[in-house]
Amino acid sequence: MVTPPSFFVNQNRSFCLINLSKRDKDMFADQINANFSKEDLTIYLWDDNNFSALDPFVSDDPEYEKYLENWKPNKQGRDYTWLLNACRASTHVILNMDYSSNQMKVWSGYILTLAKTWFLNSNTDDSASFGVLNRNKFANWEELFSKIVKIKKEH
């Protein structure tokens, strides 16, 4: 696991995870365990929103749900150079657009043009706009990993 400001590059399959909620991270981990349990992986983790500090330990936490409803970005002065380098170095980039700040949405204009980027977005209008840059929208983690596993088999 690599987080800012640390950085390194190796030959392992790698994922850059951007703004994933606790549930997203749990589902990602389940899919990694199911599909890549014997591989060495590098995970670059970018949190624009402090989810890591607030993620609940139980699946249905009313305070967490309230936080998600009222979420606003709160990280000023982030080093987006680190994020762009992590995206370039990664085998796969996974981006949750639902929790992206306005500044992150600007940077995502570049990130979404990378063919290795996959994104989540629950807003239909936003999703249609992002879909112009990138057709790799996924609805659930099983769908995403079935595509990633297929890519792995082709290479």
Protein backbone atom coordinates (compact mmCIF):
# COMPACT_ATOMS: atom_id res chain seq x y z
CA MET A 1 0.00 0.00 0.00
CA VAL A 2 1.45 3.33 -1.10
CA THR A 3 0.01 6.68 -0.01
CA PRO A 4 1.25 10.25 -0.52
CA PRO A 5 3.95 11.40 -0.19
CA SER A 6 5.63 7.95 -0.48
CA PHE A 7 6.15 6.55 -3.95
CA PHE A 8 7.80 3.60 -5.64
CA VAL A 9 7.43 1.65 -8.84
CA ASN A 10 7.90 -2.07 -9.39
CA GLN A 11 6.86 -4.75 -11.88
CA ASN A 12 3.86 -5.98 -9.86
CA ARG A 13 0.30 -5.64 -11.08
CA SER A 14 -0.84 -2.39 -9.52
CA PHE A 15 -4.03 -0.52 -8.78
CA CYS A 16 -4.49 3.18 -8.14
CA LEU A 17 -7.62 3.56 -6.00
CA ILE A 18 -9.10 7.06 -6.00
CA ASN A 19 -11.73 8.23 -3.51
CA LEU A 20 -13.15 4.83 -2.63
CA SER A 21 -15.57 4.61 0.28
CA LYS A 22 -15.17 1.97 2.99
CA ARG A 23 -17.69 -0.24 1.19
CA ASP A 24 -15.80 0.21 -2.09
CA LYS A 25 -12.53 -0.74 -0.38
CA ASP A 26 -14.11 -3.81 1.21
CA MET A 27 -15.58 -4.96 -2.11
CA PHE A 28 -12.26 -4.29 -3.84
CA ALA A 29 -10.45 -6.39 -1.21
CA ASP A 30 -12.96 -9.23 -1.64
CA GLN A 31 -12.39 -9.26 -5.39
CA ILE A 32 -8.60 -9.09 -5.00
CA ASN A 33 -8.74 -12.07 -2.63
CA ALA A 34 -10.96 -13.99 -5.05
CA ASN A 35 -9.02 -13.20 -8.24
CA PHE A 36 -5.43 -12.28 -7.39
CA SER A 37 -4.74 -13.89 -4.00
CA LYS A 38 -1.46 -15.45 -5.15
CA GLU A 39 -0.09 -12.31 -6.85
CA ASP A 40 2.08 -9.61 -5.36
CA LEU A 41 0.22 -6.34 -5.87
CA THR A 42 0.99 -2.68 -5.39
CA ILE A 43 -1.90 -0.48 -4.28
CA TYR A 44 -1.67 3.30 -4.63
CA LEU A 45 -4.34 4.90 -2.45
CA TRP A 46 -5.64 8.44 -2.93
CA ASP A 47 -8.27 9.81 -0.56
CA ASP A 48 -9.60 13.25 -1.47
CA ASN A 49 -12.14 13.03 1.32
CA ASN A 50 -10.85 11.46 4.55
CA PHE A 51 -13.00 8.33 4.20
CA SER A 52 -10.25 6.24 5.77
CA ALA A 53 -10.52 8.09 9.06
CA LEU A 54 -14.31 7.91 9.15
CA ASP A 55 -15.04 4.45 7.77
CA PRO A 56 -17.27 2.52 10.16
CA PHE A 57 -16.52 -0.94 11.48
CA VAL A 58 -20.09 -2.09 10.98
CA SER A 59 -21.86 -2.21 7.63
CA ASP A 60 -24.86 -0.04 8.55
CA ASP A 61 -23.72 2.95 10.55
CA PRO A 62 -26.23 5.85 10.61
CA GLU A 63 -23.48 8.39 11.33
CA TYR A 64 -21.53 7.19 8.31
CA GLU A 65 -24.63 7.36 6.11
CA LYS A 66 -25.24 10.92 7.34
CA TYR A 67 -21.60 11.79 6.59
CA LEU A 68 -21.95 10.48 3.04
CA GLU A 69 -25.11 12.52 2.47
CA ASN A 70 -23.43 15.74 3.62
CA TRP A 71 -19.94 15.05 2.30
CA LYS A 72 -17.89 17.97 1.10
CA PRO A 73 -14.22 17.85 0.10
CA ASN A 74 -11.98 19.03 2.88
CA LYS A 75 -8.43 18.50 1.73
CA GLN A 76 -6.79 21.73 0.69
CA GLY A 77 -3.43 21.92 -1.07
CA ARG A 78 -3.30 18.29 -2.18
CA ASP A 79 -0.32 17.24 -4.32
CA TYR A 80 -2.05 16.06 -7.47
CA THR A 81 1.36 15.39 -9.05
CA TRP A 82 1.60 12.31 -6.80
CA LEU A 83 -1.81 11.14 -8.01
CA LEU A 84 -0.96 11.61 -11.68
CA ASN A 85 2.31 9.70 -11.23
CA ALA A 86 0.44 6.89 -9.44
CA CYS A 87 -2.08 6.72 -12.30
CA ARG A 88 0.72 6.53 -14.87
CA ALA A 89 2.56 3.82 -12.91
CA SER A 90 -0.53 1.66 -12.25
CA THR A 91 -1.78 -1.26 -14.27
CA HIS A 92 -5.38 -0.30 -13.40
CA VAL A 93 -6.92 2.93 -12.10
CA ILE A 94 -10.24 2.80 -10.24
CA LEU A 95 -12.00 6.09 -9.59
CA ASN A 96 -15.19 6.79 -7.64
CA MET A 97 -16.53 10.00 -9.16
CA ASP A 98 -19.37 10.23 -6.63
CA TYR A 99 -17.03 11.57 -3.95
CA SER A 100 -14.75 13.71 -6.07
CA SER A 101 -14.11 17.35 -5.25
CA ASN A 102 -14.42 19.99 -7.96
CA GLN A 103 -10.63 20.08 -8.20
CA MET A 104 -10.53 16.29 -8.54
CA LYS A 105 -13.12 16.48 -11.32
CA VAL A 106 -10.76 18.77 -13.22
CA TRP A 107 -7.88 16.28 -12.84
CA SER A 108 -10.20 13.39 -13.69
CA GLY A 109 -10.51 14.92 -17.17
CA TYR A 110 -7.00 13.62 -17.74
CA ILE A 111 -7.30 10.45 -15.63
CA LEU A 112 -10.44 9.33 -17.49
CA THR A 113 -8.62 9.50 -20.83
CA LEU A 114 -6.33 6.67 -19.71
CA ALA A 115 -7.61 3.39 -21.18
CA LYS A 116 -6.73 1.60 -17.93
CA THR A 117 -9.12 3.78 -15.89
CA TRP A 118 -12.42 2.36 -14.61
CA PHE A 119 -14.96 4.54 -12.84
CA LEU A 120 -18.04 4.44 -10.65
CA ASN A 121 -20.67 7.18 -10.81
CA SER A 122 -24.25 7.04 -9.59
CA ASN A 123 -25.33 10.35 -11.15
CA THR A 124 -26.74 9.54 -14.60
CA ASP A 125 -26.09 13.01 -16.07
CA ASP A 126 -22.51 13.19 -14.79
CA SER A 127 -21.92 9.61 -15.86
CA ALA A 128 -23.00 10.40 -19.42
CA SER A 129 -20.53 13.30 -19.51
CA PHE A 130 -17.67 11.22 -18.12
CA GLY A 131 -18.63 8.47 -20.57
CA VAL A 132 -17.55 10.72 -23.44
CA LEU A 133 -13.98 10.52 -22.10
CA ASN A 134 -14.09 6.92 -20.94
CA ARG A 135 -16.47 4.03 -21.58
CA ASN A 136 -15.11 1.96 -18.68
CA LYS A 137 -17.94 2.73 -16.26
CA PHE A 138 -18.79 -0.20 -14.05
CA ALA A 139 -21.90 -0.87 -11.99
CA ASN A 140 -20.50 -3.39 -9.51
CA TRP A 141 -17.21 -4.90 -8.45
CA GLU A 142 -17.90 -8.35 -9.88
CA GLU A 143 -18.44 -6.80 -13.32
CA LEU A 144 -15.21 -4.82 -13.05
CA PHE A 145 -13.09 -7.76 -11.96
CA SER A 146 -14.50 -10.07 -14.60
CA LYS A 147 -13.20 -7.55 -17.16
CA ILE A 148 -9.82 -7.14 -15.42
CA VAL A 149 -9.37 -10.93 -15.22
CA LYS A 150 -10.22 -11.19 -18.92
CA ILE A 151 -7.59 -8.53 -19.72
CA LYS A 152 -5.07 -10.50 -17.64
CA LYS A 153 -5.76 -13.68 -19.62
CA GLU A 154 -5.34 -11.86 -22.95
CA HIS A 155 -1.84 -10.62 -22.04
